């Protein structure tokens, strides 16, 4: 068994590496450009939403407040006639710095879980491939599997989900590689 505290270097180094790789993926490579569709009447839609002064948050349209309302004829009619949407309103101005800081801390948390699982499964001096498998698989799970829920429940494009899961596979491989390399 290896303590999480012994694995502080691979935790932090993998978080930094994933942060850098994800920045390259999202700012240099173009394969995520089609994850969202542009509304044909974008300006009109933006003007209409602006007039409503909707506070930042997540919204479901239509959104029942109870099971009773969900089963009502009025709600069912709204669902039939549409539009049906989930909508996230961001606070203005949109700032990247808080999201980037949160993303880095998320990468550290994934690294901590990878360290915990690998540290419980392996002894000091374990082979590279063993550390790679345990840490890499755990990191892949942390970066990828929950993304499926967005396509299952919120109709996010499956292609966007699979591309993000591919990113998670890359992050998992990098994390596993760093843990294997620096395993005590």
Foldseek 3Di string as FASTA:
>chain_A
DADLVLVLVLLLVLLVVLLVVVCCCVPPNCPLVVQDDADPPNVVVVVVVVVVVDDFDKDWVPDDPDVVRCPDPVNVVDVVVDDTAIDGDDDPPDDCVVVSVVSSVLSSVLSSQLCVQLVVVDDQPDALVSQLVSSLVSQLCSQADVLVVCCVPHVRDPSSNVVSSVSSNVSSNSSSNSCSVPRD
